[in-house]
Amino acid sequence: MRKWVGRATQIFVLAVALSVLGSAPVQGTPVVVATVTPVGPLFHYDYEITFDALDPEIAVLTINLLPGDAVLDATLVAPPLFLASYDIGLGFLDLLPVLSFPSFGTLSGFAFDSARAPAATTFDALTVFGDTLSGDTRGPVGADATAVPEPATCVLVAIGLGALRARRTIRNRTRLHG
């Protein structure tokens, strides 16, 4: 009996560890965060990009937006030594360094106004070696969006709760039979 309780505890600890590790961002991929502020009938978007030392050298970062936003095209700004370009036909917002992106730290100053409300977006980063890194931007995604846990997270939580229940049941049986 005691051996089984030890196994249940080990399974629970493993499930918690996998849950924590599974939610961490992949190192080597930049983190793109959008901050959105309503300004009258428009929305003001500010993007910041965080790099860690494991990021490969990035040549261009593209945020995939909806096409046809004339307001965005007219209000797009970039920080000094960077270029920003919006393809109104395809919806690609390209962020280009004049020299290079930093190897670590946070870069901000990419901003624009848009008539479109916040929505979930993705990005692609092309490295100088020709590799593509992809990810989801972080930030507001609209008022009707709700967080839905991944199925793997639900399974890990269920395993942990089951292990706790089994441990309690075994402990109660050993106290009764004693």
N, C-alpha and C. Protein backbone atom coordinates (compact mmCIF):
# COMPACT_ATOMS: atom_id res chain seq x y z
N MET A 1 0.82 -1.20 0.00
CA MET A 1 0.00 0.00 0.00
C MET A 1 0.86 1.26 0.00
N ARG A 2 1.84 1.29 0.85
CA ARG A 2 2.69 2.47 0.99
C ARG A 2 3.41 2.76 -0.34
N LYS A 3 3.80 1.72 -1.05
CA LYS A 3 4.49 1.89 -2.32
C LYS A 3 3.56 2.55 -3.35
N TRP A 4 2.26 2.16 -3.34
CA TRP A 4 1.31 2.74 -4.27
C TRP A 4 1.10 4.22 -3.99
N VAL A 5 1.04 4.60 -2.71
CA VAL A 5 0.87 6.01 -2.34
C VAL A 5 2.07 6.81 -2.84
N GLY A 6 3.27 6.24 -2.72
CA GLY A 6 4.47 6.92 -3.21
C GLY A 6 4.40 7.12 -4.72
N ARG A 7 3.91 6.13 -5.44
CA ARG A 7 3.77 6.24 -6.90
C ARG A 7 2.75 7.33 -7.27
N ALA A 8 1.63 7.38 -6.54
CA ALA A 8 0.62 8.39 -6.82
C ALA A 8 1.20 9.79 -6.62
N THR A 9 2.00 9.97 -5.59
CA THR A 9 2.64 11.26 -5.34
C THR A 9 3.61 11.60 -6.46
N GLN A 10 4.38 10.61 -6.92
CA GLN A 10 5.33 10.84 -8.01
C GLN A 10 4.59 11.23 -9.29
N ILE A 11 3.47 10.57 -9.58
CA ILE A 11 2.69 10.88 -10.77
C ILE A 11 2.16 12.31 -10.68
N PHE A 12 1.68 12.69 -9.49
CA PHE A 12 1.16 14.04 -9.31
C PHE A 12 2.25 15.08 -9.53
N VAL A 13 3.42 14.87 -8.95
CA VAL A 13 4.53 15.82 -9.11
C VAL A 13 4.94 15.91 -10.57
N LEU A 14 4.99 14.78 -11.26
CA LEU A 14 5.33 14.76 -12.69
C LEU A 14 4.29 15.52 -13.50
N ALA A 15 3.01 15.33 -13.19
CA ALA A 15 1.95 16.02 -13.92
C ALA A 15 2.05 17.53 -13.73
N VAL A 16 2.32 17.98 -12.51
CA VAL A 16 2.47 19.41 -12.25
C VAL A 16 3.69 19.96 -12.99
N ALA A 17 4.80 19.23 -12.97
CA ALA A 17 6.02 19.69 -13.64
C ALA A 17 5.80 19.79 -15.15
N LEU A 18 5.14 18.81 -15.74
CA LEU A 18 4.87 18.85 -17.18
C LEU A 18 3.93 20.00 -17.53
N SER A 19 2.97 20.27 -16.66
CA SER A 19 2.05 21.38 -16.90
C SER A 19 2.79 22.71 -16.90
N VAL A 20 3.70 22.90 -15.95
CA VAL A 20 4.47 24.14 -15.87
C VAL A 20 5.42 24.26 -17.05
N LEU A 21 6.12 23.18 -17.37
CA LEU A 21 7.06 23.23 -18.49
C LEU A 21 6.35 23.40 -19.82
N GLY A 22 5.19 22.83 -19.98
CA GLY A 22 4.46 22.92 -21.23
C GLY A 22 3.93 24.30 -21.51
N SER A 23 3.79 25.15 -20.49
CA SER A 23 3.24 26.48 -20.71
C SER A 23 4.32 27.52 -20.95
N ALA A 24 5.59 27.17 -20.83
CA ALA A 24 6.68 28.13 -21.03
C ALA A 24 6.89 28.37 -22.52
N PRO A 25 7.21 29.62 -22.91
CA PRO A 25 7.46 29.88 -24.33
C PRO A 25 8.72 29.16 -24.78
N VAL A 26 8.75 28.79 -26.04
CA VAL A 26 9.92 28.12 -26.60
C VAL A 26 11.06 29.11 -26.68
N GLN A 27 12.22 28.77 -26.12
CA GLN A 27 13.34 29.66 -26.21
C GLN A 27 13.86 29.66 -27.64
N GLY A 28 14.33 30.81 -28.07
CA GLY A 28 14.79 30.94 -29.43
C GLY A 28 13.76 31.57 -30.33
N THR A 29 12.55 31.83 -29.82
CA THR A 29 11.51 32.50 -30.58
C THR A 29 11.19 33.81 -29.87
N PRO A 30 11.17 34.94 -30.59
CA PRO A 30 10.85 36.20 -29.93
C PRO A 30 9.41 36.20 -29.43
N VAL A 31 9.11 37.05 -28.45
CA VAL A 31 7.77 37.21 -27.91
C VAL A 31 7.25 38.55 -28.41
N VAL A 32 6.11 38.54 -29.08
CA VAL A 32 5.52 39.75 -29.64
C VAL A 32 4.25 40.06 -28.84
N VAL A 33 4.19 41.27 -28.26
CA VAL A 33 3.08 41.67 -27.41
C VAL A 33 2.44 42.93 -27.97
N ALA A 34 1.11 42.91 -28.07
CA ALA A 34 0.36 44.08 -28.55
C ALA A 34 -0.39 44.71 -27.38
N THR A 35 -0.30 46.01 -27.26
CA THR A 35 -1.10 46.77 -26.31
C THR A 35 -2.04 47.64 -27.14
N VAL A 36 -3.34 47.54 -26.85
CA VAL A 36 -4.33 48.25 -27.65
C VAL A 36 -5.10 49.22 -26.76
N THR A 37 -5.23 50.46 -27.24
CA THR A 37 -5.96 51.50 -26.52
C THR A 37 -7.03 52.07 -27.44
N PRO A 38 -8.31 52.09 -27.01
CA PRO A 38 -9.34 52.72 -27.83
C PRO A 38 -9.12 54.24 -27.87
N VAL A 39 -9.21 54.82 -29.07
CA VAL A 39 -9.07 56.25 -29.26
C VAL A 39 -10.23 56.69 -30.17
N GLY A 40 -11.32 57.09 -29.54
CA GLY A 40 -12.52 57.43 -30.31
C GLY A 40 -13.00 56.22 -31.08
N PRO A 41 -13.25 56.38 -32.38
CA PRO A 41 -13.72 55.23 -33.17
C PRO A 41 -12.58 54.29 -33.60
N LEU A 42 -11.33 54.67 -33.30
CA LEU A 42 -10.17 53.88 -33.71
C LEU A 42 -9.55 53.14 -32.52
N PHE A 43 -8.62 52.28 -32.84
CA PHE A 43 -7.83 51.57 -31.83
C PHE A 43 -6.37 51.86 -32.10
N HIS A 44 -5.63 52.22 -31.04
CA HIS A 44 -4.20 52.49 -31.18
C HIS A 44 -3.44 51.24 -30.72
N TYR A 45 -2.62 50.70 -31.60
CA TYR A 45 -1.84 49.48 -31.34
C TYR A 45 -0.38 49.85 -31.10
N ASP A 46 0.19 49.34 -30.02
CA ASP A 46 1.63 49.46 -29.74
C ASP A 46 2.18 48.05 -29.64
N TYR A 47 3.21 47.76 -30.40
CA TYR A 47 3.83 46.44 -30.36
C TYR A 47 5.20 46.53 -29.72
N GLU A 48 5.51 45.52 -28.90
CA GLU A 48 6.87 45.39 -28.39
C GLU A 48 7.32 43.95 -28.61
N ILE A 49 8.59 43.81 -28.89
CA ILE A 49 9.16 42.50 -29.21
C ILE A 49 10.28 42.24 -28.21
N THR A 50 10.22 41.09 -27.55
CA THR A 50 11.24 40.72 -26.57
C THR A 50 12.07 39.58 -27.14
N PHE A 51 13.37 39.76 -27.09
CA PHE A 51 14.32 38.76 -27.58
C PHE A 51 15.09 38.22 -26.38
N ASP A 52 15.48 36.94 -26.45
CA ASP A 52 16.42 36.42 -25.46
C ASP A 52 17.72 36.06 -26.17
N ALA A 53 18.74 35.77 -25.40
CA ALA A 53 20.07 35.53 -25.99
C ALA A 53 20.08 34.32 -26.91
N LEU A 54 19.08 33.44 -26.82
CA LEU A 54 19.06 32.24 -27.66
C LEU A 54 18.40 32.47 -29.00
N ASP A 55 17.83 33.67 -29.21
CA ASP A 55 17.21 33.95 -30.50
C ASP A 55 18.27 34.00 -31.59
N PRO A 56 18.03 33.32 -32.71
CA PRO A 56 18.97 33.48 -33.83
C PRO A 56 18.80 34.89 -34.39
N GLU A 57 19.76 35.34 -35.16
CA GLU A 57 19.68 36.69 -35.70
C GLU A 57 18.51 36.78 -36.68
N ILE A 58 17.60 37.69 -36.40
CA ILE A 58 16.38 37.82 -37.18
C ILE A 58 16.55 38.92 -38.21
N ALA A 59 16.17 38.63 -39.45
CA ALA A 59 16.30 39.60 -40.54
C ALA A 59 15.03 40.42 -40.70
N VAL A 60 13.87 39.80 -40.57
CA VAL A 60 12.59 40.49 -40.72
C VAL A 60 11.55 39.77 -39.87
N LEU A 61 10.65 40.55 -39.27
CA LEU A 61 9.57 39.99 -38.48
C LEU A 61 8.26 40.46 -39.11
N THR A 62 7.37 39.53 -39.42
CA THR A 62 6.11 39.85 -40.08
C THR A 62 4.95 39.49 -39.16
N ILE A 63 4.09 40.48 -38.89
CA ILE A 63 2.87 40.24 -38.12
C ILE A 63 1.74 40.09 -39.14
N ASN A 64 1.00 39.00 -39.03
CA ASN A 64 -0.06 38.68 -40.00
C ASN A 64 -1.38 39.30 -39.55
N LEU A 65 -1.78 40.39 -40.21
CA LEU A 65 -3.01 41.11 -39.90
C LEU A 65 -4.01 40.92 -41.03
N LEU A 66 -5.19 41.51 -40.87
CA LEU A 66 -6.19 41.46 -41.94
C LEU A 66 -5.83 42.49 -43.00
N PRO A 67 -6.04 42.17 -44.27
CA PRO A 67 -5.72 43.12 -45.34
C PRO A 67 -6.76 44.23 -45.44
N GLY A 68 -6.39 45.29 -46.18
CA GLY A 68 -7.33 46.35 -46.52
C GLY A 68 -7.52 47.42 -45.47
N ASP A 69 -6.61 47.60 -44.54
CA ASP A 69 -6.75 48.61 -43.48
C ASP A 69 -6.02 49.88 -43.88
N ALA A 70 -6.76 50.82 -44.51
CA ALA A 70 -6.15 52.06 -44.99
C ALA A 70 -5.70 52.95 -43.84
N VAL A 71 -6.38 52.92 -42.70
CA VAL A 71 -5.99 53.74 -41.55
C VAL A 71 -4.62 53.28 -41.04
N LEU A 72 -4.43 51.97 -40.94
CA LEU A 72 -3.14 51.42 -40.49
C LEU A 72 -2.02 51.88 -41.41
N ASP A 73 -2.24 51.77 -42.68
CA ASP A 73 -1.22 52.12 -43.66
C ASP A 73 -0.78 53.58 -43.52
N ALA A 74 -1.71 54.46 -43.18
CA ALA A 74 -1.41 55.89 -43.09
C ALA A 74 -0.79 56.30 -41.75
N THR A 75 -0.94 55.48 -40.71
CA THR A 75 -0.49 55.89 -39.36
C THR A 75 0.67 55.06 -38.83
N LEU A 76 1.22 54.17 -39.60
CA LEU A 76 2.27 53.25 -39.16
C LEU A 76 3.57 54.00 -38.84
N VAL A 77 4.14 53.75 -37.65
CA VAL A 77 5.42 54.34 -37.26
C VAL A 77 6.34 53.24 -36.73
N ALA A 78 7.63 53.51 -36.81
CA ALA A 78 8.65 52.56 -36.32
C ALA A 78 9.67 53.35 -35.50
N PRO A 79 10.36 52.68 -34.57
CA PRO A 79 11.40 53.36 -33.80
C PRO A 79 12.60 53.72 -34.68
N PRO A 80 13.49 54.59 -34.21
CA PRO A 80 14.68 54.93 -35.00
C PRO A 80 15.49 53.69 -35.36
N LEU A 81 16.06 53.69 -36.53
CA LEU A 81 16.87 52.60 -37.09
C LEU A 81 16.06 51.35 -37.44
N PHE A 82 14.73 51.52 -37.57
CA PHE A 82 13.87 50.42 -37.99
C PHE A 82 12.89 50.92 -39.04
N LEU A 83 12.47 50.02 -39.89
CA LEU A 83 11.49 50.32 -40.92
C LEU A 83 10.26 49.46 -40.68
N ALA A 84 9.10 50.00 -41.00
CA ALA A 84 7.85 49.25 -40.89
C ALA A 84 7.09 49.43 -42.19
N SER A 85 6.54 48.34 -42.70
CA SER A 85 5.84 48.37 -43.98
C SER A 85 4.59 47.50 -43.87
N TYR A 86 3.44 48.03 -44.33
CA TYR A 86 2.19 47.29 -44.31
C TYR A 86 1.76 47.02 -45.75
N ASP A 87 1.55 45.76 -46.09
CA ASP A 87 1.04 45.37 -47.40
C ASP A 87 -0.48 45.35 -47.30
N ILE A 88 -1.12 46.39 -47.82
CA ILE A 88 -2.57 46.54 -47.68
C ILE A 88 -3.34 45.42 -48.38
N GLY A 89 -2.75 44.83 -49.41
CA GLY A 89 -3.40 43.75 -50.15
C GLY A 89 -3.35 42.40 -49.45
N LEU A 90 -2.24 42.13 -48.76
CA LEU A 90 -2.06 40.83 -48.09
C LEU A 90 -2.24 40.89 -46.57
N GLY A 91 -2.11 42.08 -46.00
CA GLY A 91 -2.25 42.22 -44.55
C GLY A 91 -0.98 41.92 -43.78
N PHE A 92 0.17 41.94 -44.43
CA PHE A 92 1.44 41.66 -43.76
C PHE A 92 2.04 42.96 -43.23
N LEU A 93 2.35 42.99 -41.95
CA LEU A 93 3.05 44.12 -41.34
C LEU A 93 4.50 43.68 -41.13
N ASP A 94 5.41 44.18 -41.96
CA ASP A 94 6.82 43.80 -41.90
C ASP A 94 7.59 44.80 -41.05
N LEU A 95 8.39 44.28 -40.12
CA LEU A 95 9.24 45.09 -39.27
C LEU A 95 10.68 44.74 -39.59
N LEU A 96 11.44 45.73 -40.06
CA LEU A 96 12.80 45.49 -40.55
C LEU A 96 13.79 46.37 -39.82
N PRO A 97 14.91 45.80 -39.40
CA PRO A 97 15.97 46.64 -38.81
C PRO A 97 16.85 47.22 -39.91
N VAL A 98 17.33 48.45 -39.71
CA VAL A 98 18.30 49.02 -40.63
C VAL A 98 19.63 48.28 -40.46
N LEU A 99 20.01 48.00 -39.21
CA LEU A 99 21.24 47.25 -38.93
C LEU A 99 20.89 45.82 -38.55
N SER A 100 20.34 45.61 -37.33
CA SER A 100 19.91 44.28 -36.89
C SER A 100 19.00 44.43 -35.68
N PHE A 101 18.19 43.38 -35.44
CA PHE A 101 17.40 43.34 -34.22
C PHE A 101 18.36 43.08 -33.05
N PRO A 102 18.00 43.53 -31.85
CA PRO A 102 18.88 43.25 -30.70
C PRO A 102 18.91 41.75 -30.40
N SER A 103 20.00 41.26 -29.83
CA SER A 103 20.09 39.83 -29.51
C SER A 103 19.32 39.50 -28.24
N PHE A 104 19.10 40.48 -27.37
CA PHE A 104 18.26 40.28 -26.19
C PHE A 104 17.71 41.62 -25.76
N GLY A 105 16.65 41.57 -24.95
CA GLY A 105 16.00 42.79 -24.49
C GLY A 105 14.67 43.00 -25.20
N THR A 106 14.07 44.16 -24.92
CA THR A 106 12.75 44.47 -25.47
C THR A 106 12.85 45.68 -26.38
N LEU A 107 12.24 45.57 -27.53
CA LEU A 107 12.21 46.64 -28.51
C LEU A 107 10.76 47.10 -28.65
N SER A 108 10.52 48.39 -28.48
CA SER A 108 9.16 48.92 -28.63
C SER A 108 9.20 50.12 -29.56
N GLY A 109 8.02 50.62 -29.89
CA GLY A 109 7.93 51.78 -30.76
C GLY A 109 7.27 51.52 -32.10
N PHE A 110 6.91 50.27 -32.37
CA PHE A 110 6.14 49.97 -33.57
C PHE A 110 4.68 50.23 -33.23
N ALA A 111 4.04 51.17 -33.90
CA ALA A 111 2.67 51.55 -33.53
C ALA A 111 1.88 51.94 -34.77
N PHE A 112 0.55 51.86 -34.64
CA PHE A 112 -0.36 52.29 -35.70
C PHE A 112 -1.76 52.43 -35.12
N ASP A 113 -2.63 53.12 -35.85
CA ASP A 113 -4.05 53.20 -35.53
C ASP A 113 -4.80 52.33 -36.52
N SER A 114 -5.94 51.82 -36.08
CA SER A 114 -6.74 50.97 -36.95
C SER A 114 -8.21 51.11 -36.57
N ALA A 115 -9.08 50.96 -37.56
CA ALA A 115 -10.51 50.96 -37.30
C ALA A 115 -10.97 49.57 -36.84
N ARG A 116 -10.09 48.59 -36.94
CA ARG A 116 -10.44 47.21 -36.58
C ARG A 116 -10.16 46.94 -35.10
N ALA A 117 -11.10 46.24 -34.47
CA ALA A 117 -10.95 45.86 -33.06
C ALA A 117 -9.87 44.80 -32.93
N PRO A 118 -9.31 44.65 -31.73
CA PRO A 118 -8.25 43.65 -31.52
C PRO A 118 -8.73 42.24 -31.86
N ALA A 119 -7.85 41.47 -32.46
CA ALA A 119 -8.12 40.08 -32.82
C ALA A 119 -6.83 39.28 -32.65
N ALA A 120 -6.96 37.99 -32.53
CA ALA A 120 -5.79 37.13 -32.41
C ALA A 120 -4.97 37.21 -33.70
N THR A 121 -3.65 37.35 -33.55
CA THR A 121 -2.77 37.42 -34.71
C THR A 121 -1.57 36.50 -34.50
N THR A 122 -0.90 36.22 -35.58
CA THR A 122 0.32 35.42 -35.54
C THR A 122 1.46 36.23 -36.13
N PHE A 123 2.68 35.72 -35.94
CA PHE A 123 3.83 36.36 -36.56
C PHE A 123 4.78 35.31 -37.09
N ASP A 124 5.59 35.72 -38.03
CA ASP A 124 6.66 34.89 -38.59
C ASP A 124 7.93 35.72 -38.57
N ALA A 125 9.02 35.12 -38.12
CA ALA A 125 10.32 35.79 -38.11
C ALA A 125 11.26 35.01 -39.01
N LEU A 126 11.87 35.68 -39.95
CA LEU A 126 12.82 35.06 -40.87
C LEU A 126 14.23 35.38 -40.37
N THR A 127 15.03 34.33 -40.14
CA THR A 127 16.39 34.54 -39.66
C THR A 127 17.33 34.79 -40.84
N VAL A 128 18.52 35.27 -40.52
CA VAL A 128 19.51 35.50 -41.58
C VAL A 128 19.97 34.19 -42.21
N PHE A 129 19.68 33.06 -41.57
CA PHE A 129 20.06 31.75 -42.09
C PHE A 129 18.95 31.13 -42.94
N GLY A 130 17.81 31.85 -43.08
CA GLY A 130 16.71 31.35 -43.89
C GLY A 130 15.69 30.53 -43.12
N ASP A 131 15.86 30.38 -41.81
CA ASP A 131 14.90 29.64 -41.00
C ASP A 131 13.71 30.54 -40.66
N THR A 132 12.54 29.94 -40.47
CA THR A 132 11.35 30.69 -40.09
C THR A 132 10.92 30.29 -38.69
N LEU A 133 10.72 31.29 -37.83
CA LEU A 133 10.19 31.09 -36.49
C LEU A 133 8.78 31.66 -36.48
N SER A 134 7.82 30.94 -35.95
CA SER A 134 6.43 31.40 -35.94
C SER A 134 5.88 31.36 -34.54
N GLY A 135 4.86 32.18 -34.30
CA GLY A 135 4.22 32.19 -32.99
C GLY A 135 2.98 33.05 -33.00
N ASP A 136 2.29 33.07 -31.87
CA ASP A 136 1.11 33.90 -31.69
C ASP A 136 1.53 35.17 -30.97
N THR A 137 0.94 36.30 -31.38
CA THR A 137 1.20 37.53 -30.64
C THR A 137 0.41 37.47 -29.34
N ARG A 138 0.90 38.16 -28.33
CA ARG A 138 0.21 38.20 -27.05
C ARG A 138 -0.44 39.56 -26.90
N GLY A 139 -1.54 39.58 -26.19
CA GLY A 139 -2.23 40.83 -25.97
C GLY A 139 -3.72 40.64 -26.12
N PRO A 140 -4.45 41.76 -26.16
CA PRO A 140 -5.92 41.66 -26.24
C PRO A 140 -6.35 41.05 -27.56
N VAL A 141 -7.41 40.23 -27.50
CA VAL A 141 -7.90 39.59 -28.71
C VAL A 141 -9.39 39.84 -28.92
N GLY A 142 -9.98 40.80 -28.26
CA GLY A 142 -11.39 41.11 -28.45
C GLY A 142 -12.20 40.76 -27.23
N ALA A 143 -13.35 41.38 -27.11
CA ALA A 143 -14.17 41.25 -25.90
C ALA A 143 -14.85 39.89 -25.79
N ASP A 144 -15.13 39.24 -26.91
CA ASP A 144 -15.87 37.98 -26.85
C ASP A 144 -14.98 36.75 -26.74
N ALA A 145 -13.68 36.95 -26.68
CA ALA A 145 -12.76 35.81 -26.59
C ALA A 145 -12.67 35.33 -25.14
N THR A 146 -12.62 34.01 -24.96
CA THR A 146 -12.44 33.44 -23.64
C THR A 146 -11.30 32.44 -23.71
N ALA A 147 -10.60 32.30 -22.60
CA ALA A 147 -9.48 31.37 -22.55
C ALA A 147 -10.00 29.94 -22.42
N VAL A 148 -9.51 29.08 -23.26
CA VAL A 148 -9.89 27.67 -23.22
C VAL A 148 -8.62 26.87 -22.97
N PRO A 149 -8.58 26.07 -21.87
CA PRO A 149 -7.36 25.32 -21.61
C PRO A 149 -7.12 24.26 -22.67
N GLU A 150 -5.85 23.97 -22.90
CA GLU A 150 -5.49 22.93 -23.85
C GLU A 150 -5.90 21.57 -23.29
N PRO A 151 -6.24 20.61 -24.16
CA PRO A 151 -6.63 19.28 -23.68
C PRO A 151 -5.54 18.62 -22.83
N ALA A 152 -4.28 18.82 -23.18
CA ALA A 152 -3.20 18.21 -22.40
C ALA A 152 -3.18 18.76 -20.99
N THR A 153 -3.46 20.03 -20.81
CA THR A 153 -3.49 20.63 -19.47
C THR A 153 -4.63 20.02 -18.67
N CYS A 154 -5.78 19.84 -19.29
CA CYS A 154 -6.92 19.23 -18.59
C CYS A 154 -6.59 17.80 -18.16
N VAL A 155 -5.92 17.05 -19.02
CA VAL A 155 -5.54 15.68 -18.68
C VAL A 155 -4.57 15.67 -17.51
N LEU A 156 -3.59 16.56 -17.53
CA LEU A 156 -2.62 16.62 -16.43
C LEU A 156 -3.28 16.99 -15.11
N VAL A 157 -4.21 17.93 -15.14
CA VAL A 157 -4.93 18.30 -13.92
C VAL A 157 -5.75 17.12 -13.43
N ALA A 158 -6.43 16.40 -14.34
CA ALA A 158 -7.23 15.24 -13.96
C ALA A 158 -6.36 14.14 -13.34
N ILE A 159 -5.18 13.91 -13.89
CA ILE A 159 -4.27 12.90 -13.33
C ILE A 159 -3.85 13.31 -11.92
N GLY A 160 -3.52 14.58 -11.75
CA GLY A 160 -3.11 15.06 -10.43
C GLY A 160 -4.24 14.93 -9.41
N LEU A 161 -5.45 15.31 -9.79
CA LEU A 161 -6.59 15.20 -8.87
C LEU A 161 -6.90 13.73 -8.57
N GLY A 162 -6.79 12.87 -9.59
CA GLY A 162 -7.00 11.45 -9.36
C GLY A 162 -5.97 10.87 -8.40
N ALA A 163 -4.73 11.29 -8.52
CA ALA A 163 -3.68 10.82 -7.61
C ALA A 163 -3.95 11.28 -6.19
N LEU A 164 -4.39 12.51 -6.04
CA LEU A 164 -4.73 13.00 -4.69
C LEU A 164 -5.90 12.22 -4.10
N ARG A 165 -6.91 11.94 -4.91
CA ARG A 165 -8.07 11.17 -4.45
C ARG A 165 -7.64 9.75 -4.04
N ALA A 166 -6.81 9.13 -4.86
CA ALA A 166 -6.34 7.78 -4.55
C ALA A 166 -5.54 7.78 -3.25
N ARG A 167 -4.71 8.77 -3.08
CA ARG A 167 -3.90 8.86 -1.86
C ARG A 167 -4.80 9.00 -0.63
N ARG A 168 -5.83 9.86 -0.73
CA ARG A 168 -6.75 10.04 0.40
C ARG A 168 -7.52 8.75 0.70
N THR A 169 -7.96 8.06 -0.36
CA THR A 169 -8.71 6.81 -0.19
C THR A 169 -7.84 5.76 0.50
N ILE A 170 -6.62 5.61 0.08
CA ILE A 170 -5.72 4.62 0.68
C ILE A 170 -5.43 4.98 2.12
N ARG A 171 -5.21 6.26 2.39
CA ARG A 171 -4.93 6.70 3.76
C ARG A 171 -6.12 6.41 4.67
N ASN A 172 -7.34 6.66 4.19
CA ASN A 172 -8.55 6.38 4.99
C ASN A 172 -8.72 4.89 5.23
N ARG A 173 -8.42 4.06 4.24
CA ARG A 173 -8.54 2.61 4.41
C ARG A 173 -7.55 2.09 5.44
N THR A 174 -6.33 2.60 5.39
CA THR A 174 -5.31 2.13 6.35
C THR A 174 -5.65 2.57 7.76
N ARG A 175 -6.28 3.71 7.92
CA ARG A 175 -6.70 4.15 9.27
C ARG A 175 -7.83 3.30 9.82
N LEU A 176 -8.78 2.92 8.92
CA LEU A 176 -9.91 2.10 9.36
C LEU A 176 -9.49 0.66 9.70
N HIS A 177 -8.56 0.11 8.92
CA HIS A 177 -8.16 -1.29 9.09
C HIS A 177 -6.90 -1.44 9.91
N GLY A 178 -6.35 -0.36 10.27
CA GLY A 178 -5.27 -0.35 10.95
C GLY A 178 -4.14 -0.52 11.61
